[in-house]
């Protein structure tokens, strides 16, 4: 059949007997096998066409193979990340929120079902879920507020594009019986609606555009846990970072300077006795000499008469002794700089 097609197309004498074998080898050599699509979007079509060039009786001939096409399957993966530090709360407090992000780390659009579990073992008390207890951080404030939309399973399950993330709040009350130092934990889980299972499991036709969906390394589900800590002193800690690259921009490239700013504030009538601020210098960065400041005033890196230092006895760590803090002391602002290696 290949020889007949060849004669019809090129109108030359019948090729030698070895020609069909050559074409068969070319087909095998250039055939594309399906591959894991690490970052390629689900539904992407990958085409491949081969060609063979040769001479027949002094005439150059190019023969084009058939085109082999594969469609990239959808990989299902999800990550849940805790954004809140341990949250210091009073016994009996209501509507205290923990912030998480749910990230679609697969390569296609995916819908996720969310669930809360505040009845975990190994802690001192069980937070009491509010009704409802899961909210979208609709106003991106990082805390529960009137503008946040409640989540209803099966009704407004979040649909995330590949690499898209969304902020989720777990809202709990604190039992009045909890005492200072007690810890209570609350967990957020996100599960793919398309399916879960062992990495490599296939859900036929469940991906974007009807392609197969393949379970990735996370199994199609993920969870993370936040914690409430009981204390009669409530302290808010907020950390931000500003980037200045060597070219006058704000890109996080090697050589860029990162300025970390942390605010510490007592927000009730208690006293935080002997408060000490510590912040390890991040991996893959180098501390900028003499960059520590407290409330706008510079502090030395050495252990001396002022309240701050760079502790290099282990992992380099910024240390500032804030002392006894009350609400009357207002916001304490700490800053220091590092450069990206």
C-alpha atoms as a PDB file:
ATOM      1  CA  UNK A   1       0.000   0.000   0.000  1.00  0.00           C
ATOM      2  CA  UNK A   2       2.822   2.414   0.876  1.00  0.00           C
ATOM      3  CA  UNK A   3       4.532   1.596  -2.422  1.00  0.00           C
ATOM      4  CA  UNK A   4       1.290   2.183  -4.370  1.00  0.00           C
ATOM      5  CA  UNK A   5       0.782   5.575  -2.734  1.00  0.00           C
ATOM      6  CA  UNK A   6       4.381   6.461  -3.436  1.00  0.00           C
ATOM      7  CA  UNK A   7       3.943   5.619  -7.176  1.00  0.00           C
ATOM      8  CA  UNK A   8       0.747   7.679  -7.394  1.00  0.00           C
ATOM      9  CA  UNK A   9       2.307  10.716  -5.710  1.00  0.00           C
ATOM     10  CA  UNK A  10       5.684  10.848  -7.378  1.00  0.00           C
ATOM     11  CA  UNK A  11       5.013   8.964 -10.695  1.00  0.00           C
ATOM     12  CA  UNK A  12       8.347   7.198 -10.647  1.00  0.00           C
ATOM     13  CA  UNK A  13       9.309   3.592 -11.102  1.00  0.00           C
ATOM     14  CA  UNK A  14       8.401   1.089  -8.399  1.00  0.00           C
ATOM     15  CA  UNK A  15      10.845   1.591  -5.490  1.00  0.00           C
ATOM     16  CA  UNK A  16      13.225  -1.090  -4.375  1.00  0.00           C
ATOM     17  CA  UNK A  17      12.015  -3.844  -2.072  1.00  0.00           C
ATOM     18  CA  UNK A  18      13.703  -2.195   0.935  1.00  0.00           C
ATOM     19  CA  UNK A  19      11.526   0.935   0.749  1.00  0.00           C
ATOM     20  CA  UNK A  20       8.522  -0.298   2.843  1.00  0.00           C
ATOM     21  CA  UNK A  21      10.896  -1.432   5.554  1.00  0.00           C
ATOM     22  CA  UNK A  22      12.574   2.008   5.598  1.00  0.00           C
ATOM     23  CA  UNK A  23       9.228   3.758   5.987  1.00  0.00           C
ATOM     24  CA  UNK A  24       8.181   1.388   8.750  1.00  0.00           C
ATOM     25  CA  UNK A  25      11.409   2.148  10.626  1.00  0.00           C
ATOM     26  CA  UNK A  26      10.816   5.891  10.206  1.00  0.00           C
ATOM     27  CA  UNK A  27       7.300   5.557  11.598  1.00  0.00           C
ATOM     28  CA  UNK A  28       8.532   3.678  14.645  1.00  0.00           C
ATOM     29  CA  UNK A  29      11.475   6.034  15.170  1.00  0.00           C
ATOM     30  CA  UNK A  30       9.393   9.216  15.171  1.00  0.00           C
ATOM     31  CA  UNK A  31       6.247   8.019  16.900  1.00  0.00           C
ATOM     32  CA  UNK A  32       5.494  10.141  20.018  1.00  0.00           C
ATOM     33  CA  UNK A  33       4.497   8.416  23.247  1.00  0.00           C
ATOM     34  CA  UNK A  34       2.259  10.114  25.815  1.00  0.00           C
ATOM     35  CA  UNK A  35       4.236  11.903  28.537  1.00  0.00           C
ATOM     36  CA  UNK A  36       3.543  13.466  31.930  1.00  0.00           C
ATOM     37  CA  UNK A  37       2.660  17.114  31.274  1.00  0.00           C
ATOM     38  CA  UNK A  38       4.323  18.829  34.211  1.00  0.00           C
ATOM     39  CA  UNK A  39       3.206  22.368  33.457  1.00  0.00           C
ATOM     40  CA  UNK A  40       1.437  22.168  30.110  1.00  0.00           C
ATOM     41  CA  UNK A  41      -2.250  23.069  30.200  1.00  0.00           C
ATOM     42  CA  UNK A  42      -4.744  20.218  30.116  1.00  0.00           C
ATOM     43  CA  UNK A  43      -6.283  19.773  26.673  1.00  0.00           C
ATOM     44  CA  UNK A  44      -3.177  21.016  24.854  1.00  0.00           C
ATOM     45  CA  UNK A  45      -2.655  19.060  21.645  1.00  0.00           C
ATOM     46  CA  UNK A  46       0.922  18.041  20.893  1.00  0.00           C
ATOM     47  CA  UNK A  47       1.514  17.204  17.213  1.00  0.00           C
ATOM     48  CA  UNK A  48       4.535  15.533  15.677  1.00  0.00           C
ATOM     49  CA  UNK A  49       5.310  14.825  12.038  1.00  0.00           C
ATOM     50  CA  UNK A  50       8.413  13.089  10.689  1.00  0.00           C
ATOM     51  CA  UNK A  51      10.006  13.115   7.297  1.00  0.00           C
ATOM     52  CA  UNK A  52      12.510  10.983   5.399  1.00  0.00           C
ATOM     53  CA  UNK A  53      14.793  12.402   2.685  1.00  0.00           C
ATOM     54  CA  UNK A  54      16.433  10.078   0.159  1.00  0.00           C
ATOM     55  CA  UNK A  55      17.487   9.763  -3.491  1.00  0.00           C
ATOM     56  CA  UNK A  56      15.926   7.603  -6.183  1.00  0.00           C
ATOM     57  CA  UNK A  57      17.954   7.333  -9.351  1.00  0.00           C
ATOM     58  CA  UNK A  58      19.544  10.693  -8.637  1.00  0.00           C
ATOM     59  CA  UNK A  59      16.269  12.419  -7.711  1.00  0.00           C
ATOM     60  CA  UNK A  60      15.893  13.773  -4.172  1.00  0.00           C
ATOM     61  CA  UNK A  61      12.606  12.774  -2.583  1.00  0.00           C
ATOM     62  CA  UNK A  62      11.093  13.922   0.722  1.00  0.00           C
ATOM     63  CA  UNK A  63       8.448  11.685   2.174  1.00  0.00           C
ATOM     64  CA  UNK A  64       6.246  13.061   4.995  1.00  0.00           C
ATOM     65  CA  UNK A  65       4.879  10.728   7.651  1.00  0.00           C
ATOM     66  CA  UNK A  66       1.455  10.836   9.149  1.00  0.00           C
ATOM     67  CA  UNK A  67       1.000  13.311  12.029  1.00  0.00           C
ATOM     68  CA  UNK A  68       0.786  11.778  15.472  1.00  0.00           C
ATOM     69  CA  UNK A  69      -1.233  13.809  18.013  1.00  0.00           C
ATOM     70  CA  UNK A  70      -1.646  13.462  21.736  1.00  0.00           C
ATOM     71  CA  UNK A  71      -3.814  15.523  24.052  1.00  0.00           C
ATOM     72  CA  UNK A  72      -2.345  16.436  27.428  1.00  0.00           C
ATOM     73  CA  UNK A  73      -4.322  14.938  30.296  1.00  0.00           C
ATOM     74  CA  UNK A  74      -5.311  16.978  33.330  1.00  0.00           C
ATOM     75  CA  UNK A  75      -3.199  16.452  36.445  1.00  0.00           C
ATOM     76  CA  UNK A  76      -5.088  16.913  39.725  1.00  0.00           C
ATOM     77  CA  UNK A  77      -3.068  18.440  42.573  1.00  0.00           C
ATOM     78  CA  UNK A  78      -3.892  20.820  45.427  1.00  0.00           C
ATOM     79  CA  UNK A  79      -2.006  22.458  48.296  1.00  0.00           C
ATOM     80  CA  UNK A  80      -3.485  24.010  51.451  1.00  0.00           C
ATOM     81  CA  UNK A  81      -1.229  26.557  53.167  1.00  0.00           C
ATOM     82  CA  UNK A  82      -1.708  28.094  56.608  1.00  0.00           C
ATOM     83  CA  UNK A  83      -1.244  31.865  56.482  1.00  0.00           C
ATOM     84  CA  UNK A  84      -2.075  32.719  60.105  1.00  0.00           C
ATOM     85  CA  UNK A  85       0.421  32.446  62.943  1.00  0.00           C
ATOM     86  CA  UNK A  86      -0.753  30.817  66.161  1.00  0.00           C
ATOM     87  CA  UNK A  87      -3.660  33.047  67.116  1.00  0.00           C
ATOM     88  CA  UNK A  88      -3.685  34.348  70.694  1.00  0.00           C
ATOM     89  CA  UNK A  89      -7.276  34.466  71.962  1.00  0.00           C
ATOM     90  CA  UNK A  90      -9.283  34.901  75.141  1.00  0.00           C
ATOM     91  CA  UNK A  91     -11.380  32.116  76.611  1.00  0.00           C
ATOM     92  CA  UNK A  92     -14.987  32.625  75.507  1.00  0.00           C
ATOM     93  CA  UNK A  93     -14.051  34.600  72.386  1.00  0.00           C
ATOM     94  CA  UNK A  94     -16.337  34.278  69.340  1.00  0.00           C
ATOM     95  CA  UNK A  95     -15.785  34.357  65.579  1.00  0.00           C
ATOM     96  CA  UNK A  96     -12.005  34.112  65.652  1.00  0.00           C
ATOM     97  CA  UNK A  97     -10.619  33.271  62.222  1.00  0.00           C
ATOM     98  CA  UNK A  98      -7.650  31.393  60.812  1.00  0.00           C
ATOM     99  CA  UNK A  99      -6.525  32.236  57.260  1.00  0.00           C
ATOM    100  CA  UNK A 100      -5.483  29.582  54.717  1.00  0.00           C
ATOM    101  CA  UNK A 101      -4.857  29.562  50.996  1.00  0.00           C
ATOM    102  CA  UNK A 102      -6.037  26.765  48.721  1.00  0.00           C
ATOM    103  CA  UNK A 103      -3.887  26.498  45.582  1.00  0.00           C
ATOM    104  CA  UNK A 104      -4.591  24.488  42.445  1.00  0.00           C
ATOM    105  CA  UNK A 105      -1.143  23.111  41.602  1.00  0.00           C
ATOM    106  CA  UNK A 106      -2.473  20.984  38.755  1.00  0.00           C
ATOM    107  CA  UNK A 107      -2.517  21.949  35.084  1.00  0.00           C
ATOM    108  CA  UNK A 108      -6.238  22.440  34.483  1.00  0.00           C
ATOM    109  CA  UNK A 109      -9.371  24.001  35.922  1.00  0.00           C
ATOM    110  CA  UNK A 110     -10.548  22.142  38.997  1.00  0.00           C
ATOM    111  CA  UNK A 111     -13.382  22.414  41.505  1.00  0.00           C
ATOM    112  CA  UNK A 112     -12.579  21.736  45.159  1.00  0.00           C
ATOM    113  CA  UNK A 113     -14.820  20.722  48.057  1.00  0.00           C
ATOM    114  CA  UNK A 114     -13.848  22.289  51.400  1.00  0.00           C
ATOM    115  CA  UNK A 115     -14.261  20.870  54.897  1.00  0.00           C
ATOM    116  CA  UNK A 116     -13.443  21.951  58.451  1.00  0.00           C
ATOM    117  CA  UNK A 117     -12.454  19.735  61.385  1.00  0.00           C
ATOM    118  CA  UNK A 118     -12.067  21.332  64.806  1.00  0.00           C
ATOM    119  CA  UNK A 119     -12.337  18.061  66.722  1.00  0.00           C
ATOM    120  CA  UNK A 120      -8.700  17.004  66.459  1.00  0.00           C
ATOM    121  CA  UNK A 121      -6.774  14.928  68.951  1.00  0.00           C
ATOM    122  CA  UNK A 122      -3.596  15.979  70.705  1.00  0.00           C
ATOM    123  CA  UNK A 123      -4.593  19.523  71.700  1.00  0.00           C
ATOM    124  CA  UNK A 124      -6.023  21.017  74.891  1.00  0.00           C
ATOM    125  CA  UNK A 125      -9.471  22.065  73.680  1.00  0.00           C
ATOM    126  CA  UNK A 126     -11.716  21.833  70.637  1.00  0.00           C
ATOM    127  CA  UNK A 127     -12.584  25.158  68.992  1.00  0.00           C
ATOM    128  CA  UNK A 128     -16.318  25.492  68.356  1.00  0.00           C
ATOM    129  CA  UNK A 129     -17.108  26.073  64.649  1.00  0.00           C
ATOM    130  CA  UNK A 130     -19.310  29.085  63.960  1.00  0.00           C
ATOM    131  CA  UNK A 131     -22.400  28.615  61.798  1.00  0.00           C
ATOM    132  CA  UNK A 132     -21.362  28.837  59.034  1.00  0.00           C
ATOM    133  CA  UNK A 133     -17.684  28.219  59.763  1.00  0.00           C
ATOM    134  CA  UNK A 134     -15.956  28.447  56.368  1.00  0.00           C
ATOM    135  CA  UNK A 135     -15.747  31.749  54.498  1.00  0.00           C
ATOM    136  CA  UNK A 136     -14.015  33.062  51.412  1.00  0.00           C
ATOM    137  CA  UNK A 137     -11.696  35.957  52.279  1.00  0.00           C
ATOM    138  CA  UNK A 138     -13.722  38.026  49.810  1.00  0.00           C
ATOM    139  CA  UNK A 139     -12.267  41.402  50.777  1.00  0.00           C
ATOM    140  CA  UNK A 140      -8.682  40.026  51.019  1.00  0.00           C
ATOM    141  CA  UNK A 141      -8.376  41.482  54.520  1.00  0.00           C
ATOM    142  CA  UNK A 142      -6.911  38.311  55.985  1.00  0.00           C
ATOM    143  CA  UNK A 143      -9.496  38.339  58.779  1.00  0.00           C
ATOM    144  CA  UNK A 144     -13.193  37.575  59.160  1.00  0.00           C
ATOM    145  CA  UNK A 145     -15.388  40.564  58.307  1.00  0.00           C
ATOM    146  CA  UNK A 146     -18.912  41.357  57.113  1.00  0.00           C
ATOM    147  CA  UNK A 147     -17.812  41.432  53.485  1.00  0.00           C
ATOM    148  CA  UNK A 148     -16.715  37.777  53.473  1.00  0.00           C
ATOM    149  CA  UNK A 149     -18.934  35.260  51.662  1.00  0.00           C
ATOM    150  CA  UNK A 150     -19.925  32.042  53.439  1.00  0.00           C
ATOM    151  CA  UNK A 151     -19.042  28.749  51.798  1.00  0.00           C
ATOM    152  CA  UNK A 152     -21.811  26.200  51.204  1.00  0.00           C
ATOM    153  CA  UNK A 153     -20.616  22.722  50.102  1.00  0.00           C
ATOM    154  CA  UNK A 154     -21.954  21.764  46.687  1.00  0.00           C
ATOM    155  CA  UNK A 155     -23.251  25.275  46.020  1.00  0.00           C
ATOM    156  CA  UNK A 156     -20.241  27.574  45.697  1.00  0.00           C
ATOM    157  CA  UNK A 157     -17.320  25.146  45.689  1.00  0.00           C
ATOM    158  CA  UNK A 158     -14.327  27.156  44.446  1.00  0.00           C
ATOM    159  CA  UNK A 159     -13.258  26.533  40.856  1.00  0.00           C
ATOM    160  CA  UNK A 160      -9.597  27.386  40.401  1.00  0.00           C
ATOM    161  CA  UNK A 161      -7.580  27.665  37.221  1.00  0.00           C
ATOM    162  CA  UNK A 162      -4.141  26.094  37.080  1.00  0.00           C
ATOM    163  CA  UNK A 163      -1.804  27.827  39.564  1.00  0.00           C
ATOM    164  CA  UNK A 164      -4.677  29.906  40.980  1.00  0.00           C
ATOM    165  CA  UNK A 165      -5.102  30.351  44.759  1.00  0.00           C
ATOM    166  CA  UNK A 166      -7.930  31.544  46.981  1.00  0.00           C
ATOM    167  CA  UNK A 167      -8.035  32.743  50.592  1.00  0.00           C
ATOM    168  CA  UNK A 168     -10.203  30.707  52.967  1.00  0.00           C
ATOM    169  CA  UNK A 169     -11.129  31.560  56.568  1.00  0.00           C
ATOM    170  CA  UNK A 170     -12.022  29.051  59.276  1.00  0.00           C
ATOM    171  CA  UNK A 171     -14.147  30.778  61.924  1.00  0.00           C
ATOM    172  CA  UNK A 172     -14.415  29.290  65.420  1.00  0.00           C
ATOM    173  CA  UNK A 173     -15.500  30.218  68.914  1.00  0.00           C
ATOM    174  CA  UNK A 174     -13.337  29.498  71.963  1.00  0.00           C
ATOM    175  CA  UNK A 175     -14.715  27.533  74.959  1.00  0.00           C
ATOM    176  CA  UNK A 176     -15.076  29.601  78.128  1.00  0.00           C
ATOM    177  CA  UNK A 177     -13.469  26.758  80.083  1.00  0.00           C
ATOM    178  CA  UNK A 178     -10.092  27.066  78.336  1.00  0.00           C
ATOM    179  CA  UNK A 179      -7.218  28.375  80.471  1.00  0.00           C
ATOM    180  CA  UNK A 180      -4.016  30.294  79.754  1.00  0.00           C
ATOM    181  CA  UNK A 181      -1.554  28.347  77.661  1.00  0.00           C
ATOM    182  CA  UNK A 182      -4.132  25.916  76.253  1.00  0.00           C
ATOM    183  CA  UNK A 183      -3.932  25.198  72.519  1.00  0.00           C
ATOM    184  CA  UNK A 184      -6.838  24.262  70.241  1.00  0.00           C
ATOM    185  CA  UNK A 185      -6.442  23.288  66.581  1.00  0.00           C
ATOM    186  CA  UNK A 186      -8.681  23.581  63.529  1.00  0.00           C
ATOM    187  CA  UNK A 187      -8.091  21.958  60.128  1.00  0.00           C
ATOM    188  CA  UNK A 188      -9.052  22.953  56.586  1.00  0.00           C
ATOM    189  CA  UNK A 189      -9.195  20.222  53.942  1.00  0.00           C
ATOM    190  CA  UNK A 190      -9.630  20.699  50.182  1.00  0.00           C
ATOM    191  CA  UNK A 191     -10.608  17.780  47.945  1.00  0.00           C
ATOM    192  CA  UNK A 192     -10.874  17.627  44.165  1.00  0.00           C
ATOM    193  CA  UNK A 193     -14.437  17.076  42.961  1.00  0.00           C
ATOM    194  CA  UNK A 194     -13.107  15.165  39.940  1.00  0.00           C
ATOM    195  CA  UNK A 195     -11.660  12.507  42.212  1.00  0.00           C
ATOM    196  CA  UNK A 196      -8.935  11.491  44.629  1.00  0.00           C
ATOM    197  CA  UNK A 197      -6.679   8.494  44.903  1.00  0.00           C
ATOM    198  CA  UNK A 198      -3.141   7.263  44.504  1.00  0.00           C
ATOM    199  CA  UNK A 199      -0.772   9.176  42.203  1.00  0.00           C
ATOM    200  CA  UNK A 200      -1.313   7.921  38.678  1.00  0.00           C
ATOM    201  CA  UNK A 201      -4.951   6.920  39.125  1.00  0.00           C
ATOM    202  CA  UNK A 202      -6.979   7.884  36.055  1.00  0.00           C
ATOM    203  CA  UNK A 203     -10.518   9.291  35.918  1.00  0.00           C
ATOM    204  CA  UNK A 204     -11.662   8.899  32.331  1.00  0.00           C
ATOM    205  CA  UNK A 205     -13.050  12.012  30.633  1.00  0.00           C
ATOM    206  CA  UNK A 206     -13.116  14.030  33.876  1.00  0.00           C
ATOM    207  CA  UNK A 207     -10.517  16.639  32.849  1.00  0.00           C
ATOM    208  CA  UNK A 208     -10.834  19.909  30.933  1.00  0.00           C
ATOM    209  CA  UNK A 209     -12.563  19.396  27.590  1.00  0.00           C
ATOM    210  CA  UNK A 210     -13.247  15.746  28.335  1.00  0.00           C
ATOM    211  CA  UNK A 211      -9.622  14.609  28.555  1.00  0.00           C
ATOM    212  CA  UNK A 212      -8.645  12.077  31.202  1.00  0.00           C
ATOM    213  CA  UNK A 213      -7.835  13.375  34.672  1.00  0.00           C
ATOM    214  CA  UNK A 214      -4.771  11.863  36.359  1.00  0.00           C
ATOM    215  CA  UNK A 215      -4.158  12.065  40.102  1.00  0.00           C
ATOM    216  CA  UNK A 216      -0.899  13.878  40.935  1.00  0.00           C
ATOM    217  CA  UNK A 217       1.474  13.596  43.863  1.00  0.00           C
ATOM    218  CA  UNK A 218      -0.928  15.151  46.396  1.00  0.00           C
ATOM    219  CA  UNK A 219      -3.577  12.512  45.768  1.00  0.00           C
ATOM    220  CA  UNK A 220      -6.095  15.182  44.798  1.00  0.00           C
ATOM    221  CA  UNK A 221      -6.617  16.352  48.371  1.00  0.00           C
ATOM    222  CA  UNK A 222      -4.707  18.322  50.977  1.00  0.00           C
ATOM    223  CA  UNK A 223      -5.173  19.675  54.485  1.00  0.00           C
ATOM    224  CA  UNK A 224      -3.455  21.999  56.925  1.00  0.00           C
ATOM    225  CA  UNK A 225      -4.010  22.956  60.547  1.00  0.00           C
ATOM    226  CA  UNK A 226      -4.023  26.258  62.416  1.00  0.00           C
ATOM    227  CA  UNK A 227      -3.948  26.814  66.171  1.00  0.00           C
ATOM    228  CA  UNK A 228      -5.519  29.049  68.798  1.00  0.00           C
ATOM    229  CA  UNK A 229      -3.563  29.795  71.996  1.00  0.00           C
ATOM    230  CA  UNK A 230      -5.360  30.943  75.137  1.00  0.00           C
ATOM    231  CA  UNK A 231      -3.898  33.994  76.868  1.00  0.00           C
ATOM    232  CA  UNK A 232      -5.140  36.940  78.842  1.00  0.00           C
ATOM    233  CA  UNK A 233      -2.887  39.134  76.707  1.00  0.00           C
ATOM    234  CA  UNK A 234      -3.848  39.536  73.057  1.00  0.00           C
ATOM    235  CA  UNK A 235      -0.980  40.504  70.741  1.00  0.00           C
ATOM    236  CA  UNK A 236      -1.283  41.206  67.025  1.00  0.00           C
ATOM    237  CA  UNK A 237       1.804  40.455  64.924  1.00  0.00           C
ATOM    238  CA  UNK A 238       1.871  41.460  61.250  1.00  0.00           C
ATOM    239  CA  UNK A 239       4.841  40.980  58.907  1.00  0.00           C
ATOM    240  CA  UNK A 240       5.368  42.543  55.477  1.00  0.00           C
ATOM    241  CA  UNK A 241       8.221  42.581  52.973  1.00  0.00           C
ATOM    242  CA  UNK A 242       9.300  45.165  50.384  1.00  0.00           C
ATOM    243  CA  UNK A 243      11.567  44.221  47.465  1.00  0.00           C
ATOM    244  CA  UNK A 244      14.131  46.498  45.777  1.00  0.00           C
ATOM    245  CA  UNK A 245      16.089  44.907  42.936  1.00  0.00           C
ATOM    246  CA  UNK A 246      19.501  46.121  41.647  1.00  0.00           C
ATOM    247  CA  UNK A 247      17.864  47.672  38.566  1.00  0.00           C
ATOM    248  CA  UNK A 248      15.488  50.015  40.360  1.00  0.00           C
ATOM    249  CA  UNK A 249      12.514  47.676  40.212  1.00  0.00           C
ATOM    250  CA  UNK A 250      10.756  45.312  42.599  1.00  0.00           C
ATOM    251  CA  UNK A 251      11.634  41.908  41.176  1.00  0.00           C
ATOM    252  CA  UNK A 252      12.810  39.134  43.535  1.00  0.00           C
ATOM    253  CA  UNK A 253      16.070  38.403  41.713  1.00  0.00           C
ATOM    254  CA  UNK A 254      19.467  37.506  43.174  1.00  0.00           C
ATOM    255  CA  UNK A 255      21.005  40.658  44.607  1.00  0.00           C
ATOM    256  CA  UNK A 256      17.623  42.195  45.464  1.00  0.00           C
ATOM    257  CA  UNK A 257      17.212  43.705  48.935  1.00  0.00           C
ATOM    258  CA  UNK A 258      14.295  42.531  51.073  1.00  0.00           C
ATOM    259  CA  UNK A 259      13.127  44.857  53.837  1.00  0.00           C
ATOM    260  CA  UNK A 260      11.101  42.998  56.451  1.00  0.00           C
ATOM    261  CA  UNK A 261       8.812  45.059  58.673  1.00  0.00           C
ATOM    262  CA  UNK A 262       7.016  43.529  61.645  1.00  0.00           C
ATOM    263  CA  UNK A 263       4.500  45.268  63.887  1.00  0.00           C
ATOM    264  CA  UNK A 264       3.758  44.007  67.407  1.00  0.00           C
ATOM    265  CA  UNK A 265       0.814  45.387  69.367  1.00  0.00           C
ATOM    266  CA  UNK A 266      -0.984  44.471  72.590  1.00  0.00           C
ATOM    267  CA  UNK A 267      -4.706  44.953  71.957  1.00  0.00           C
ATOM    268  CA  UNK A 268      -6.262  44.305  75.372  1.00  0.00           C
ATOM    269  CA  UNK A 269      -5.654  45.274  78.987  1.00  0.00           C
ATOM    270  CA  UNK A 270      -3.148  42.533  79.827  1.00  0.00           C
ATOM    271  CA  UNK A 271       0.651  42.772  80.065  1.00  0.00           C
ATOM    272  CA  UNK A 272       3.050  40.729  77.919  1.00  0.00           C
ATOM    273  CA  UNK A 273       5.907  40.343  80.402  1.00  0.00           C
ATOM    274  CA  UNK A 274       9.481  40.109  79.142  1.00  0.00           C
ATOM    275  CA  UNK A 275       8.587  40.156  75.437  1.00  0.00           C
ATOM    276  CA  UNK A 276      11.401  39.143  73.074  1.00  0.00           C
ATOM    277  CA  UNK A 277      11.181  39.412  69.280  1.00  0.00           C
ATOM    278  CA  UNK A 278      13.159  36.860  67.227  1.00  0.00           C
ATOM    279  CA  UNK A 279      13.269  36.406  63.459  1.00  0.00           C
ATOM    280  CA  UNK A 280      15.728  34.007  61.751  1.00  0.00           C
ATOM    281  CA  UNK A 281      17.442  35.283  58.604  1.00  0.00           C
ATOM    282  CA  UNK A 282      15.788  33.327  55.752  1.00  0.00           C
ATOM    283  CA  UNK A 283      17.654  30.575  53.905  1.00  0.00           C
ATOM    284  CA  UNK A 284      19.233  31.717  50.609  1.00  0.00           C
ATOM    285  CA  UNK A 285      19.594  35.280  51.868  1.00  0.00           C
ATOM    286  CA  UNK A 286      22.328  37.271  53.622  1.00  0.00           C
ATOM    287  CA  UNK A 287      21.713  39.756  56.417  1.00  0.00           C
ATOM    288  CA  UNK A 288      22.476  43.411  55.637  1.00  0.00           C
ATOM    289  CA  UNK A 289      24.870  44.723  58.268  1.00  0.00           C
ATOM    290  CA  UNK A 290      23.455  47.301  60.723  1.00  0.00           C
ATOM    291  CA  UNK A 291      19.950  47.168  59.255  1.00  0.00           C
ATOM    292  CA  UNK A 292      17.995  46.418  62.445  1.00  0.00           C
ATOM    293  CA  UNK A 293      15.694  49.150  63.684  1.00  0.00           C
ATOM    294  CA  UNK A 294      13.019  49.492  66.371  1.00  0.00           C
ATOM    295  CA  UNK A 295      10.391  52.198  65.982  1.00  0.00           C
ATOM    296  CA  UNK A 296      12.594  53.952  63.451  1.00  0.00           C
ATOM    297  CA  UNK A 297      15.736  53.967  65.601  1.00  0.00           C
ATOM    298  CA  UNK A 298      18.778  51.970  64.511  1.00  0.00           C
ATOM    299  CA  UNK A 299      20.124  49.156  66.684  1.00  0.00           C
ATOM    300  CA  UNK A 300      23.597  47.640  66.580  1.00  0.00           C
ATOM    301  CA  UNK A 301      24.248  44.069  65.501  1.00  0.00           C
ATOM    302  CA  UNK A 302      26.379  43.378  68.580  1.00  0.00           C
ATOM    303  CA  UNK A 303      25.144  42.306  72.015  1.00  0.00           C
ATOM    304  CA  UNK A 304      25.538  45.549  73.925  1.00  0.00           C
ATOM    305  CA  UNK A 305      23.587  48.231  75.776  1.00  0.00           C
ATOM    306  CA  UNK A 306      20.790  48.603  73.239  1.00  0.00           C
ATOM    307  CA  UNK A 307      17.854  46.200  72.983  1.00  0.00           C
ATOM    308  CA  UNK A 308      18.720  44.476  69.704  1.00  0.00           C
ATOM    309  CA  UNK A 309      21.347  42.247  68.125  1.00  0.00           C
ATOM    310  CA  UNK A 310      22.072  39.713  65.420  1.00  0.00           C
ATOM    311  CA  UNK A 311      22.545  36.395  67.208  1.00  0.00           C
ATOM    312  CA  UNK A 312      25.030  34.301  65.210  1.00  0.00           C
ATOM    313  CA  UNK A 313      25.438  31.472  67.716  1.00  0.00           C
ATOM    314  CA  UNK A 314      23.328  29.272  65.414  1.00  0.00           C
ATOM    315  CA  UNK A 315      21.151  30.254  62.480  1.00  0.00           C
ATOM    316  CA  UNK A 316      21.641  34.051  62.222  1.00  0.00           C
ATOM    317  CA  UNK A 317      18.648  35.554  64.014  1.00  0.00           C
ATOM    318  CA  UNK A 318      17.466  39.112  64.621  1.00  0.00           C
ATOM    319  CA  UNK A 319      16.706  39.503  68.341  1.00  0.00           C
ATOM    320  CA  UNK A 320      15.017  42.503  69.993  1.00  0.00           C
ATOM    321  CA  UNK A 321      14.077  42.628  73.662  1.00  0.00           C
ATOM    322  CA  UNK A 322      10.794  44.528  73.777  1.00  0.00           C
ATOM    323  CA  UNK A 323      10.331  44.199  77.538  1.00  0.00           C
ATOM    324  CA  UNK A 324       6.946  44.398  79.264  1.00  0.00           C
ATOM    325  CA  UNK A 325       4.351  45.440  76.695  1.00  0.00           C
ATOM    326  CA  UNK A 326       0.878  46.815  77.337  1.00  0.00           C
ATOM    327  CA  UNK A 327      -1.775  48.405  75.186  1.00  0.00           C
ATOM    328  CA  UNK A 328      -0.458  51.790  76.260  1.00  0.00           C
ATOM    329  CA  UNK A 329       2.876  51.089  74.530  1.00  0.00           C
ATOM    330  CA  UNK A 330       1.155  51.141  71.154  1.00  0.00           C
ATOM    331  CA  UNK A 331       2.548  49.539  68.004  1.00  0.00           C
ATOM    332  CA  UNK A 332       6.161  48.383  68.132  1.00  0.00           C
ATOM    333  CA  UNK A 333       7.704  48.366  64.645  1.00  0.00           C
ATOM    334  CA  UNK A 334      10.740  46.208  63.908  1.00  0.00           C
ATOM    335  CA  UNK A 335      12.576  46.167  60.588  1.00  0.00           C
ATOM    336  CA  UNK A 336      15.700  44.633  59.095  1.00  0.00           C
ATOM    337  CA  UNK A 337      17.092  43.852  55.648  1.00  0.00           C
ATOM    338  CA  UNK A 338      18.550  40.887  53.785  1.00  0.00           C
ATOM    339  CA  UNK A 339      19.743  40.375  50.214  1.00  0.00           C
ATOM    340  CA  UNK A 340      18.848  37.408  48.030  1.00  0.00           C
ATOM    341  CA  UNK A 341      21.951  35.272  47.408  1.00  0.00           C
END
